[in-house]
Amino acid sequence: MKLGIALLVGLLVGIYTAFVSMCLWNWFATRAFRVPQLSFFEMLGLVWLLQVLFGSVGQDSEPHWRMLWTVLDKLVPGDRRDAYAAAMKGLEQDAWTHAAVGAIGQVVGNTVMLGLGFGLHLLIM
């Protein structure tokens, strides 16, 4: 359930990012570079393309982390298992909080850029 919500939130943030990118592109890049305007779906495709090409930087280290956690789990003495399990549960909750804060930060950052871009667009029209 949590994973489904995380995927939905990520998709919605990506869609909003594409909208903001489309607005900024159509306001500034079209005049500055003499390129055509892009539709929302064209920009959404470009955002997804860039995510595929550049969004996975550093994610190839996951097997190393999994291996580290497995070794750590095996090294915890039996009498400390409960404390270890509680600490790991806390870290999992922290990870979800970190993801939520990151998504909110992305939306706020996009909104600020949209507002600033719109104001600048009005000045140069």
N, C-alpha and C. Protein backbone atom coordinates (compact mmCIF):
# COMPACT_ATOMS: atom_id res chain seq x y z
N MET A 1 0.82 -1.20 0.00
CA MET A 1 0.00 0.00 0.00
C MET A 1 0.87 1.27 0.00
N LYS A 2 1.90 1.29 0.89
CA LYS A 2 2.78 2.45 0.95
C LYS A 2 3.52 2.65 -0.37
N LEU A 3 3.93 1.54 -0.97
CA LEU A 3 4.65 1.63 -2.24
C LEU A 3 3.74 2.20 -3.32
N GLY A 4 2.48 1.78 -3.34
CA GLY A 4 1.53 2.30 -4.32
C GLY A 4 1.31 3.79 -4.15
N ILE A 5 1.19 4.24 -2.92
CA ILE A 5 1.02 5.67 -2.65
C ILE A 5 2.27 6.43 -3.08
N ALA A 6 3.45 5.87 -2.77
CA ALA A 6 4.70 6.52 -3.16
C ALA A 6 4.80 6.64 -4.68
N LEU A 7 4.41 5.59 -5.39
CA LEU A 7 4.45 5.64 -6.86
C LEU A 7 3.48 6.68 -7.40
N LEU A 8 2.28 6.75 -6.81
CA LEU A 8 1.28 7.73 -7.26
C LEU A 8 1.76 9.15 -7.00
N VAL A 9 2.31 9.39 -5.82
CA VAL A 9 2.83 10.73 -5.50
C VAL A 9 3.97 11.08 -6.45
N GLY A 10 4.87 10.13 -6.69
CA GLY A 10 5.97 10.38 -7.62
C GLY A 10 5.47 10.71 -9.02
N LEU A 11 4.45 10.01 -9.46
CA LEU A 11 3.87 10.27 -10.78
C LEU A 11 3.25 11.66 -10.83
N LEU A 12 2.51 12.03 -9.79
CA LEU A 12 1.87 13.35 -9.76
C LEU A 12 2.91 14.47 -9.71
N VAL A 13 3.97 14.28 -8.94
CA VAL A 13 5.04 15.28 -8.88
C VAL A 13 5.71 15.39 -10.25
N GLY A 14 5.91 14.26 -10.92
CA GLY A 14 6.50 14.28 -12.26
C GLY A 14 5.61 14.99 -13.27
N ILE A 15 4.31 14.78 -13.16
CA ILE A 15 3.37 15.45 -14.07
C ILE A 15 3.41 16.96 -13.83
N TYR A 16 3.44 17.35 -12.56
CA TYR A 16 3.50 18.78 -12.24
C TYR A 16 4.83 19.38 -12.73
N THR A 17 5.91 18.64 -12.58
CA THR A 17 7.21 19.08 -13.07
C THR A 17 7.17 19.29 -14.58
N ALA A 18 6.51 18.39 -15.29
CA ALA A 18 6.38 18.53 -16.74
C ALA A 18 5.57 19.78 -17.09
N PHE A 19 4.52 20.06 -16.33
CA PHE A 19 3.71 21.26 -16.59
C PHE A 19 4.55 22.53 -16.40
N VAL A 20 5.28 22.59 -15.28
CA VAL A 20 6.12 23.76 -15.01
C VAL A 20 7.20 23.89 -16.08
N SER A 21 7.82 22.78 -16.46
CA SER A 21 8.85 22.79 -17.49
C SER A 21 8.29 23.26 -18.83
N MET A 22 7.07 22.81 -19.17
CA MET A 22 6.44 23.23 -20.42
C MET A 22 6.21 24.73 -20.42
N CYS A 23 5.69 25.26 -19.31
CA CYS A 23 5.45 26.70 -19.23
C CYS A 23 6.75 27.48 -19.40
N LEU A 24 7.77 27.10 -18.66
CA LEU A 24 9.04 27.81 -18.74
C LEU A 24 9.65 27.69 -20.14
N TRP A 25 9.57 26.50 -20.73
CA TRP A 25 10.08 26.31 -22.09
C TRP A 25 9.36 27.23 -23.07
N ASN A 26 8.03 27.21 -23.01
CA ASN A 26 7.25 27.98 -23.97
C ASN A 26 7.38 29.49 -23.73
N TRP A 27 7.65 29.91 -22.52
CA TRP A 27 7.83 31.33 -22.24
C TRP A 27 9.20 31.85 -22.64
N PHE A 28 10.23 31.02 -22.47
CA PHE A 28 11.60 31.53 -22.62
C PHE A 28 12.40 30.86 -23.74
N ALA A 29 12.41 29.56 -23.80
CA ALA A 29 13.27 28.87 -24.77
C ALA A 29 12.83 29.13 -26.20
N THR A 30 11.52 29.23 -26.42
CA THR A 30 11.04 29.42 -27.79
C THR A 30 11.55 30.71 -28.40
N ARG A 31 11.57 31.78 -27.61
CA ARG A 31 12.07 33.06 -28.12
C ARG A 31 13.59 33.09 -28.15
N ALA A 32 14.22 32.62 -27.09
CA ALA A 32 15.68 32.73 -26.98
C ALA A 32 16.40 31.85 -27.99
N PHE A 33 15.87 30.65 -28.23
CA PHE A 33 16.55 29.70 -29.11
C PHE A 33 15.84 29.52 -30.45
N ARG A 34 14.72 30.22 -30.64
CA ARG A 34 13.93 30.10 -31.86
C ARG A 34 13.58 28.65 -32.17
N VAL A 35 13.00 28.01 -31.16
CA VAL A 35 12.55 26.62 -31.28
C VAL A 35 11.04 26.60 -31.09
N PRO A 36 10.38 25.53 -31.55
CA PRO A 36 8.93 25.49 -31.42
C PRO A 36 8.48 25.28 -29.98
N GLN A 37 7.25 25.70 -29.73
CA GLN A 37 6.64 25.42 -28.43
C GLN A 37 6.40 23.92 -28.31
N LEU A 38 6.33 23.44 -27.07
CA LEU A 38 6.07 22.03 -26.82
C LEU A 38 4.73 21.89 -26.11
N SER A 39 4.02 20.82 -26.47
CA SER A 39 2.77 20.52 -25.78
C SER A 39 3.09 19.89 -24.43
N PHE A 40 2.08 19.78 -23.59
CA PHE A 40 2.28 19.16 -22.28
C PHE A 40 2.79 17.73 -22.44
N PHE A 41 2.21 16.97 -23.35
CA PHE A 41 2.60 15.57 -23.50
C PHE A 41 4.01 15.43 -24.07
N GLU A 42 4.41 16.34 -24.95
CA GLU A 42 5.80 16.32 -25.43
C GLU A 42 6.78 16.59 -24.28
N MET A 43 6.43 17.57 -23.44
CA MET A 43 7.31 17.87 -22.31
C MET A 43 7.30 16.73 -21.30
N LEU A 44 6.16 16.12 -21.08
CA LEU A 44 6.09 14.98 -20.16
C LEU A 44 7.00 13.86 -20.67
N GLY A 45 6.98 13.61 -21.96
CA GLY A 45 7.87 12.60 -22.54
C GLY A 45 9.33 12.97 -22.36
N LEU A 46 9.67 14.25 -22.51
CA LEU A 46 11.05 14.68 -22.31
C LEU A 46 11.47 14.56 -20.84
N VAL A 47 10.57 14.92 -19.93
CA VAL A 47 10.88 14.77 -18.50
C VAL A 47 11.14 13.30 -18.18
N TRP A 48 10.31 12.42 -18.71
CA TRP A 48 10.50 10.99 -18.47
C TRP A 48 11.81 10.51 -19.09
N LEU A 49 12.11 10.98 -20.30
CA LEU A 49 13.37 10.61 -20.95
C LEU A 49 14.56 11.03 -20.10
N LEU A 50 14.55 12.26 -19.63
CA LEU A 50 15.65 12.75 -18.80
C LEU A 50 15.74 11.97 -17.49
N GLN A 51 14.61 11.57 -16.95
CA GLN A 51 14.62 10.75 -15.73
C GLN A 51 15.27 9.40 -16.00
N VAL A 52 14.96 8.82 -17.14
CA VAL A 52 15.56 7.53 -17.49
C VAL A 52 17.06 7.69 -17.70
N LEU A 53 17.45 8.75 -18.40
CA LEU A 53 18.86 8.93 -18.71
C LEU A 53 19.70 9.38 -17.52
N PHE A 54 19.16 10.28 -16.70
CA PHE A 54 19.96 10.89 -15.65
C PHE A 54 19.45 10.62 -14.24
N GLY A 55 18.23 10.14 -14.10
CA GLY A 55 17.65 9.94 -12.78
C GLY A 55 18.19 8.75 -12.05
N SER A 56 18.87 7.85 -12.73
CA SER A 56 19.36 6.64 -12.08
C SER A 56 20.80 6.76 -11.61
N VAL A 57 21.37 7.97 -11.67
CA VAL A 57 22.75 8.15 -11.24
C VAL A 57 22.85 7.84 -9.75
N GLY A 58 23.74 6.94 -9.41
CA GLY A 58 23.95 6.58 -8.01
C GLY A 58 23.04 5.48 -7.50
N GLN A 59 22.05 5.08 -8.26
CA GLN A 59 21.13 4.05 -7.79
C GLN A 59 21.68 2.65 -7.97
N ASP A 60 22.78 2.50 -8.68
CA ASP A 60 23.35 1.18 -8.87
C ASP A 60 24.06 0.69 -7.61
N SER A 61 24.09 1.49 -6.56
CA SER A 61 24.73 1.08 -5.32
C SER A 61 23.79 0.30 -4.41
N GLU A 62 22.53 0.12 -4.81
CA GLU A 62 21.57 -0.59 -3.96
C GLU A 62 22.01 -2.01 -3.59
N PRO A 63 22.55 -2.81 -4.51
CA PRO A 63 23.01 -4.14 -4.09
C PRO A 63 24.06 -4.09 -2.99
N HIS A 64 24.91 -3.07 -3.03
CA HIS A 64 25.93 -2.94 -1.99
C HIS A 64 25.29 -2.64 -0.63
N TRP A 65 24.28 -1.77 -0.65
CA TRP A 65 23.59 -1.48 0.61
C TRP A 65 22.87 -2.71 1.13
N ARG A 66 22.22 -3.45 0.25
CA ARG A 66 21.51 -4.67 0.67
C ARG A 66 22.50 -5.67 1.29
N MET A 67 23.66 -5.79 0.68
CA MET A 67 24.68 -6.69 1.20
C MET A 67 25.15 -6.22 2.58
N LEU A 68 25.35 -4.91 2.73
CA LEU A 68 25.78 -4.37 4.01
C LEU A 68 24.75 -4.64 5.10
N TRP A 69 23.47 -4.41 4.82
CA TRP A 69 22.41 -4.64 5.82
C TRP A 69 22.30 -6.12 6.16
N THR A 70 22.50 -6.99 5.19
CA THR A 70 22.46 -8.43 5.45
C THR A 70 23.58 -8.84 6.39
N VAL A 71 24.79 -8.35 6.13
CA VAL A 71 25.92 -8.66 6.99
C VAL A 71 25.68 -8.10 8.39
N LEU A 72 25.20 -6.88 8.48
CA LEU A 72 24.94 -6.26 9.77
C LEU A 72 23.89 -7.06 10.55
N ASP A 73 22.87 -7.51 9.86
CA ASP A 73 21.82 -8.30 10.50
C ASP A 73 22.40 -9.59 11.09
N LYS A 74 23.32 -10.22 10.39
CA LYS A 74 23.92 -11.46 10.88
C LYS A 74 24.87 -11.23 12.05
N LEU A 75 25.41 -10.02 12.16
CA LEU A 75 26.37 -9.73 13.22
C LEU A 75 25.72 -9.31 14.54
N VAL A 76 24.43 -9.01 14.53
CA VAL A 76 23.76 -8.56 15.75
C VAL A 76 23.56 -9.76 16.67
N PRO A 77 24.06 -9.66 17.90
CA PRO A 77 23.90 -10.77 18.86
C PRO A 77 22.43 -11.01 19.18
N GLY A 78 22.09 -12.23 19.55
CA GLY A 78 20.71 -12.63 19.83
C GLY A 78 20.03 -11.77 20.88
N ASP A 79 20.77 -11.38 21.93
CA ASP A 79 20.17 -10.60 23.00
C ASP A 79 19.91 -9.14 22.60
N ARG A 80 20.41 -8.73 21.45
CA ARG A 80 20.22 -7.34 20.98
C ARG A 80 19.29 -7.27 19.78
N ARG A 81 18.69 -8.40 19.40
CA ARG A 81 17.83 -8.45 18.21
C ARG A 81 16.64 -7.50 18.30
N ASP A 82 15.99 -7.45 19.48
CA ASP A 82 14.82 -6.59 19.63
C ASP A 82 15.17 -5.12 19.47
N ALA A 83 16.29 -4.70 20.06
CA ALA A 83 16.73 -3.31 19.93
C ALA A 83 17.08 -3.00 18.47
N TYR A 84 17.73 -3.96 17.81
CA TYR A 84 18.09 -3.79 16.40
C TYR A 84 16.83 -3.66 15.54
N ALA A 85 15.85 -4.54 15.78
CA ALA A 85 14.61 -4.49 15.00
C ALA A 85 13.89 -3.16 15.21
N ALA A 86 13.86 -2.67 16.44
CA ALA A 86 13.21 -1.38 16.72
C ALA A 86 13.94 -0.24 16.00
N ALA A 87 15.26 -0.28 16.02
CA ALA A 87 16.04 0.76 15.35
C ALA A 87 15.80 0.73 13.84
N MET A 88 15.74 -0.46 13.26
CA MET A 88 15.50 -0.58 11.82
C MET A 88 14.10 -0.07 11.46
N LYS A 89 13.12 -0.33 12.30
CA LYS A 89 11.75 0.15 12.05
C LYS A 89 11.74 1.68 12.06
N GLY A 90 12.50 2.26 13.01
CA GLY A 90 12.60 3.72 13.06
C GLY A 90 13.25 4.28 11.81
N LEU A 91 14.27 3.60 11.31
CA LEU A 91 14.93 4.05 10.08
C LEU A 91 14.00 3.97 8.88
N GLU A 92 13.16 2.93 8.86
CA GLU A 92 12.19 2.80 7.75
C GLU A 92 11.22 3.96 7.78
N GLN A 93 10.73 4.32 8.97
CA GLN A 93 9.82 5.45 9.09
C GLN A 93 10.52 6.74 8.66
N ASP A 94 11.77 6.90 9.06
CA ASP A 94 12.54 8.07 8.65
C ASP A 94 12.67 8.14 7.13
N ALA A 95 12.83 7.00 6.48
CA ALA A 95 12.96 6.98 5.03
C ALA A 95 11.68 7.48 4.36
N TRP A 96 10.52 7.07 4.87
CA TRP A 96 9.24 7.53 4.32
C TRP A 96 9.07 9.03 4.55
N THR A 97 9.48 9.49 5.74
CA THR A 97 9.40 10.93 6.03
C THR A 97 10.31 11.70 5.09
N HIS A 98 11.52 11.20 4.88
CA HIS A 98 12.47 11.84 3.97
C HIS A 98 11.90 11.91 2.55
N ALA A 99 11.26 10.83 2.11
CA ALA A 99 10.66 10.81 0.76
C ALA A 99 9.53 11.82 0.65
N ALA A 100 8.70 11.92 1.69
CA ALA A 100 7.59 12.87 1.68
C ALA A 100 8.10 14.31 1.65
N VAL A 101 9.10 14.59 2.47
CA VAL A 101 9.68 15.94 2.50
C VAL A 101 10.31 16.26 1.14
N GLY A 102 10.96 15.28 0.52
CA GLY A 102 11.55 15.49 -0.80
C GLY A 102 10.50 15.81 -1.85
N ALA A 103 9.37 15.10 -1.82
CA ALA A 103 8.29 15.34 -2.78
C ALA A 103 7.69 16.73 -2.57
N ILE A 104 7.47 17.09 -1.31
CA ILE A 104 6.91 18.41 -1.01
C ILE A 104 7.90 19.50 -1.44
N GLY A 105 9.18 19.27 -1.18
CA GLY A 105 10.20 20.23 -1.60
C GLY A 105 10.23 20.41 -3.10
N GLN A 106 10.06 19.32 -3.84
CA GLN A 106 10.04 19.41 -5.30
C GLN A 106 8.85 20.23 -5.78
N VAL A 107 7.69 20.00 -5.20
CA VAL A 107 6.48 20.75 -5.59
C VAL A 107 6.64 22.23 -5.24
N VAL A 108 7.15 22.52 -4.05
CA VAL A 108 7.34 23.92 -3.65
C VAL A 108 8.36 24.59 -4.58
N GLY A 109 9.47 23.91 -4.85
CA GLY A 109 10.47 24.46 -5.76
C GLY A 109 9.91 24.72 -7.15
N ASN A 110 9.13 23.76 -7.66
CA ASN A 110 8.50 23.94 -8.97
C ASN A 110 7.56 25.13 -8.97
N THR A 111 6.79 25.27 -7.90
CA THR A 111 5.82 26.36 -7.81
C THR A 111 6.52 27.71 -7.75
N VAL A 112 7.60 27.79 -7.00
CA VAL A 112 8.37 29.04 -6.93
C VAL A 112 8.91 29.38 -8.32
N MET A 113 9.47 28.39 -9.02
CA MET A 113 10.01 28.64 -10.36
C MET A 113 8.91 29.05 -11.33
N LEU A 114 7.74 28.43 -11.20
CA LEU A 114 6.61 28.80 -12.06
C LEU A 114 6.20 30.24 -11.80
N GLY A 115 6.11 30.62 -10.53
CA GLY A 115 5.73 32.00 -10.20
C GLY A 115 6.76 33.01 -10.67
N LEU A 116 8.04 32.72 -10.41
CA LEU A 116 9.09 33.62 -10.85
C LEU A 116 9.13 33.70 -12.39
N GLY A 117 9.00 32.55 -13.01
CA GLY A 117 9.01 32.54 -14.48
C GLY A 117 7.83 33.30 -15.08
N PHE A 118 6.66 33.17 -14.47
CA PHE A 118 5.49 33.88 -14.96
C PHE A 118 5.68 35.39 -14.81
N GLY A 119 6.22 35.80 -13.66
CA GLY A 119 6.47 37.22 -13.46
C GLY A 119 7.46 37.77 -14.48
N LEU A 120 8.52 37.03 -14.73
CA LEU A 120 9.51 37.44 -15.72
C LEU A 120 8.89 37.44 -17.12
N HIS A 121 8.07 36.46 -17.40
CA HIS A 121 7.38 36.38 -18.69
C HIS A 121 6.52 37.62 -18.91
N LEU A 122 5.82 38.05 -17.87
CA LEU A 122 4.99 39.25 -18.00
C LEU A 122 5.84 40.49 -18.24
N LEU A 123 7.02 40.55 -17.64
CA LEU A 123 7.90 41.71 -17.83
C LEU A 123 8.45 41.81 -19.24
N ILE A 124 8.71 40.67 -19.88
CA ILE A 124 9.34 40.72 -21.20
C ILE A 124 8.35 40.62 -22.35
N MET A 125 7.08 40.47 -22.05
CA MET A 125 6.07 40.39 -23.13
C MET A 125 5.94 41.67 -23.88
